[in-house]
Amino acid sequence: METSILLHEIKHCVEAQIRQSFEQQRDPLTLKRWQALKPASLAGRRYPYKPILEQTGLLRSSARVDIVGQSVRTQVNLPYARVHQLGYPRRNIPQRRYLPFDDAGKPTPHLHQEIEALLAPDGLGGQEILKQVATTLIRR
């Protein structure tokens, strides 16, 4: 069964939620706003007027969502990405989750709902699967 359309739609859902996290400065799991920067952190910033995790924009632009085989993979290849996603209590860095996954890597409830909606019989993925099944039956 051809799943590329469905995988691309899931990829777009993940990308949209990452973009929304940065735009709203909210945790996609709890929907709470990210903790504000401390005055000392603000004082050391080159661009203090920029949003919390967007000093240079590198973190936001480094979040990659790729289709690998029959799965959608999200990764950020920056050494400090994990610190922001999970927090680092020993260094007093709060968690500012921006990827739509919990600490165990499972999709947030909102992302899970979007994926289920795609798979529903009346969703884009469900319609594509039904179309492929019907095409297969007709060809027999």
C-alpha atoms as a PDB file:
ATOM      1  CA  MET A   1       0.000   0.000   0.000  1.00  0.00           C
ATOM      2  CA  GLU A   2       1.305   3.456  -0.930  1.00  0.00           C
ATOM      3  CA  THR A   3       1.650   5.617   2.201  1.00  0.00           C
ATOM      4  CA  SER A   4       3.670   8.573   0.912  1.00  0.00           C
ATOM      5  CA  ILE A   5       0.702  10.981   0.912  1.00  0.00           C
ATOM      6  CA  LEU A   6      -0.121  10.081   4.501  1.00  0.00           C
ATOM      7  CA  LEU A   7       3.520  10.369   5.619  1.00  0.00           C
ATOM      8  CA  HIS A   8       3.795  13.809   3.998  1.00  0.00           C
ATOM      9  CA  GLU A   9       0.624  14.963   5.781  1.00  0.00           C
ATOM     10  CA  ILE A  10       1.971  13.736   9.142  1.00  0.00           C
ATOM     11  CA  LYS A  11       5.276  15.492   8.393  1.00  0.00           C
ATOM     12  CA  HIS A  12       3.370  18.735   7.744  1.00  0.00           C
ATOM     13  CA  CYS A  13       1.462  18.334  11.035  1.00  0.00           C
ATOM     14  CA  VAL A  14       4.728  17.971  12.992  1.00  0.00           C
ATOM     15  CA  GLU A  15       6.323  20.939  11.190  1.00  0.00           C
ATOM     16  CA  ALA A  16       3.263  23.105  11.868  1.00  0.00           C
ATOM     17  CA  GLN A  17       3.331  22.280  15.567  1.00  0.00           C
ATOM     18  CA  ILE A  18       7.046  23.102  15.839  1.00  0.00           C
ATOM     19  CA  ARG A  19       6.448  26.408  14.066  1.00  0.00           C
ATOM     20  CA  GLN A  20       3.509  27.125  16.388  1.00  0.00           C
ATOM     21  CA  SER A  21       5.631  26.389  19.485  1.00  0.00           C
ATOM     22  CA  PHE A  22       8.132  29.052  18.488  1.00  0.00           C
ATOM     23  CA  GLU A  23       5.508  31.585  17.386  1.00  0.00           C
ATOM     24  CA  GLN A  24       3.441  31.233  20.568  1.00  0.00           C
ATOM     25  CA  GLN A  25       6.412  30.466  22.850  1.00  0.00           C
ATOM     26  CA  ARG A  26       4.381  27.613  24.337  1.00  0.00           C
ATOM     27  CA  ASP A  27       5.039  24.032  25.344  1.00  0.00           C
ATOM     28  CA  PRO A  28       3.120  21.876  22.809  1.00  0.00           C
ATOM     29  CA  LEU A  29       2.436  19.245  25.490  1.00  0.00           C
ATOM     30  CA  THR A  30       1.184  21.365  28.407  1.00  0.00           C
ATOM     31  CA  LEU A  31       0.211  24.422  26.315  1.00  0.00           C
ATOM     32  CA  LYS A  32       1.812  26.598  29.009  1.00  0.00           C
ATOM     33  CA  ARG A  33       3.925  29.562  27.995  1.00  0.00           C
ATOM     34  CA  TRP A  34       7.668  29.079  28.252  1.00  0.00           C
ATOM     35  CA  GLN A  35       9.259  30.455  31.392  1.00  0.00           C
ATOM     36  CA  ALA A  36      10.495  33.990  30.828  1.00  0.00           C
ATOM     37  CA  LEU A  37      14.200  34.647  30.585  1.00  0.00           C
ATOM     38  CA  LYS A  38      15.937  35.750  33.765  1.00  0.00           C
ATOM     39  CA  PRO A  39      17.199  39.363  33.864  1.00  0.00           C
ATOM     40  CA  ALA A  40      20.815  38.131  33.730  1.00  0.00           C
ATOM     41  CA  SER A  41      20.060  36.116  30.600  1.00  0.00           C
ATOM     42  CA  LEU A  42      18.358  39.101  28.987  1.00  0.00           C
ATOM     43  CA  ALA A  43      21.288  41.365  29.829  1.00  0.00           C
ATOM     44  CA  GLY A  44      23.712  39.021  28.066  1.00  0.00           C
ATOM     45  CA  ARG A  45      21.679  38.707  24.888  1.00  0.00           C
ATOM     46  CA  ARG A  46      22.837  40.364  21.718  1.00  0.00           C
ATOM     47  CA  TYR A  47      19.218  40.869  20.620  1.00  0.00           C
ATOM     48  CA  PRO A  48      17.125  41.125  23.819  1.00  0.00           C
ATOM     49  CA  TYR A  49      13.964  41.958  21.859  1.00  0.00           C
ATOM     50  CA  LYS A  50      13.914  38.591  20.046  1.00  0.00           C
ATOM     51  CA  PRO A  51      11.694  35.718  21.254  1.00  0.00           C
ATOM     52  CA  ILE A  52      13.011  33.397  23.965  1.00  0.00           C
ATOM     53  CA  LEU A  53      14.565  30.562  21.916  1.00  0.00           C
ATOM     54  CA  GLU A  54      15.342  32.641  18.843  1.00  0.00           C
ATOM     55  CA  GLN A  55      18.490  34.583  19.624  1.00  0.00           C
ATOM     56  CA  THR A  56      19.992  33.603  16.253  1.00  0.00           C
ATOM     57  CA  GLY A  57      17.135  31.519  14.805  1.00  0.00           C
ATOM     58  CA  LEU A  58      19.423  28.510  14.484  1.00  0.00           C
ATOM     59  CA  LEU A  59      17.452  26.252  16.851  1.00  0.00           C
ATOM     60  CA  ARG A  60      14.178  26.929  15.055  1.00  0.00           C
ATOM     61  CA  SER A  61      15.658  26.444  11.592  1.00  0.00           C
ATOM     62  CA  SER A  62      17.569  23.300  12.629  1.00  0.00           C
ATOM     63  CA  ALA A  63      14.453  21.327  13.570  1.00  0.00           C
ATOM     64  CA  ARG A  64      14.188  18.801  10.738  1.00  0.00           C
ATOM     65  CA  VAL A  65      11.238  16.571   9.980  1.00  0.00           C
ATOM     66  CA  ASP A  66      12.066  13.868   7.446  1.00  0.00           C
ATOM     67  CA  ILE A  67      10.363  10.855   5.950  1.00  0.00           C
ATOM     68  CA  VAL A  68      12.625   7.845   6.408  1.00  0.00           C
ATOM     69  CA  GLY A  69      11.242   4.656   4.922  1.00  0.00           C
ATOM     70  CA  GLN A  70       7.749   4.236   6.342  1.00  0.00           C
ATOM     71  CA  SER A  71       8.178   6.657   9.252  1.00  0.00           C
ATOM     72  CA  VAL A  72       8.446  10.338  10.026  1.00  0.00           C
ATOM     73  CA  ARG A  73      11.568  11.314  11.971  1.00  0.00           C
ATOM     74  CA  THR A  74      12.170  14.573  13.827  1.00  0.00           C
ATOM     75  CA  GLN A  75      15.645  15.660  14.824  1.00  0.00           C
ATOM     76  CA  VAL A  76      17.636  18.730  15.780  1.00  0.00           C
ATOM     77  CA  ASN A  77      21.400  18.458  15.335  1.00  0.00           C
ATOM     78  CA  LEU A  78      22.510  21.112  17.795  1.00  0.00           C
ATOM     79  CA  PRO A  79      24.277  20.297  21.057  1.00  0.00           C
ATOM     80  CA  TYR A  80      21.990  22.551  23.103  1.00  0.00           C
ATOM     81  CA  ALA A  81      18.699  21.440  21.517  1.00  0.00           C
ATOM     82  CA  ARG A  82      18.112  18.669  24.061  1.00  0.00           C
ATOM     83  CA  VAL A  83      18.759  21.078  26.937  1.00  0.00           C
ATOM     84  CA  HIS A  84      15.909  23.327  25.834  1.00  0.00           C
ATOM     85  CA  GLN A  85      13.560  20.452  24.959  1.00  0.00           C
ATOM     86  CA  LEU A  86      14.040  18.653  28.302  1.00  0.00           C
ATOM     87  CA  GLY A  87      15.485  21.335  30.578  1.00  0.00           C
ATOM     88  CA  TYR A  88      18.681  21.075  32.612  1.00  0.00           C
ATOM     89  CA  PRO A  89      17.896  21.491  36.327  1.00  0.00           C
ATOM     90  CA  ARG A  90      21.551  21.212  37.457  1.00  0.00           C
ATOM     91  CA  ARG A  91      22.314  24.377  35.466  1.00  0.00           C
ATOM     92  CA  ASN A  92      19.006  26.060  36.313  1.00  0.00           C
ATOM     93  CA  ILE A  93      17.814  25.931  32.698  1.00  0.00           C
ATOM     94  CA  PRO A  94      14.039  25.383  32.577  1.00  0.00           C
ATOM     95  CA  GLN A  95      12.370  23.091  30.106  1.00  0.00           C
ATOM     96  CA  ARG A  96      11.149  24.963  27.059  1.00  0.00           C
ATOM     97  CA  ARG A  97       9.743  22.157  24.942  1.00  0.00           C
ATOM     98  CA  TYR A  98       9.346  23.076  21.274  1.00  0.00           C
ATOM     99  CA  LEU A  99       9.040  19.639  19.638  1.00  0.00           C
ATOM    100  CA  PRO A 100       5.540  18.091  19.855  1.00  0.00           C
ATOM    101  CA  PHE A 101       6.691  15.042  21.837  1.00  0.00           C
ATOM    102  CA  ASP A 102       6.741  14.190  25.532  1.00  0.00           C
ATOM    103  CA  ASP A 103       9.952  13.356  27.413  1.00  0.00           C
ATOM    104  CA  ALA A 104       9.705   9.718  26.267  1.00  0.00           C
ATOM    105  CA  GLY A 105       9.382  10.767  22.607  1.00  0.00           C
ATOM    106  CA  LYS A 106       5.667  10.045  22.256  1.00  0.00           C
ATOM    107  CA  PRO A 107       3.494  12.522  20.292  1.00  0.00           C
ATOM    108  CA  THR A 108       1.603  15.111  22.302  1.00  0.00           C
ATOM    109  CA  PRO A 109      -2.158  14.511  22.591  1.00  0.00           C
ATOM    110  CA  HIS A 110      -2.801  17.291  20.062  1.00  0.00           C
ATOM    111  CA  LEU A 111      -0.430  15.774  17.482  1.00  0.00           C
ATOM    112  CA  HIS A 112      -1.891  12.332  18.147  1.00  0.00           C
ATOM    113  CA  GLN A 113      -5.397  13.706  17.479  1.00  0.00           C
ATOM    114  CA  GLU A 114      -4.256  15.285  14.222  1.00  0.00           C
ATOM    115  CA  ILE A 115      -2.734  11.992  13.074  1.00  0.00           C
ATOM    116  CA  GLU A 116      -5.868  10.069  14.026  1.00  0.00           C
ATOM    117  CA  ALA A 117      -7.973  12.595  12.107  1.00  0.00           C
ATOM    118  CA  LEU A 118      -5.807  11.957   9.041  1.00  0.00           C
ATOM    119  CA  LEU A 119      -6.352   8.208   9.425  1.00  0.00           C
ATOM    120  CA  ALA A 120     -10.105   8.469   9.956  1.00  0.00           C
ATOM    121  CA  PRO A 121     -12.219   7.163   7.042  1.00  0.00           C
ATOM    122  CA  ASP A 122     -13.240  10.728   6.168  1.00  0.00           C
ATOM    123  CA  GLY A 123      -9.696  12.117   6.674  1.00  0.00           C
ATOM    124  CA  LEU A 124      -7.171  12.594   3.865  1.00  0.00           C
ATOM    125  CA  GLY A 125      -5.201   9.473   4.815  1.00  0.00           C
ATOM    126  CA  GLY A 126      -8.334   7.394   5.256  1.00  0.00           C
ATOM    127  CA  GLN A 127      -9.641   8.515   1.875  1.00  0.00           C
ATOM    128  CA  GLU A 128      -6.303   7.681   0.244  1.00  0.00           C
ATOM    129  CA  ILE A 129      -6.247   4.208   1.802  1.00  0.00           C
ATOM    130  CA  LEU A 130      -9.857   3.570   0.742  1.00  0.00           C
ATOM    131  CA  LYS A 131      -9.030   4.739  -2.786  1.00  0.00           C
ATOM    132  CA  GLN A 132      -6.063   2.375  -2.967  1.00  0.00           C
ATOM    133  CA  VAL A 133      -8.149  -0.550  -1.677  1.00  0.00           C
ATOM    134  CA  ALA A 134     -10.895   0.216  -4.219  1.00  0.00           C
ATOM    135  CA  THR A 135      -8.325   0.454  -7.044  1.00  0.00           C
ATOM    136  CA  THR A 136      -6.844  -2.883  -5.993  1.00  0.00           C
ATOM    137  CA  LEU A 137     -10.296  -4.528  -5.924  1.00  0.00           C
ATOM    138  CA  ILE A 138     -11.201  -3.126  -9.339  1.00  0.00           C
ATOM    139  CA  ARG A 139      -7.973  -4.405 -10.889  1.00  0.00           C
ATOM    140  CA  ARG A 140      -8.691  -7.976  -9.760  1.00  0.00           C
END
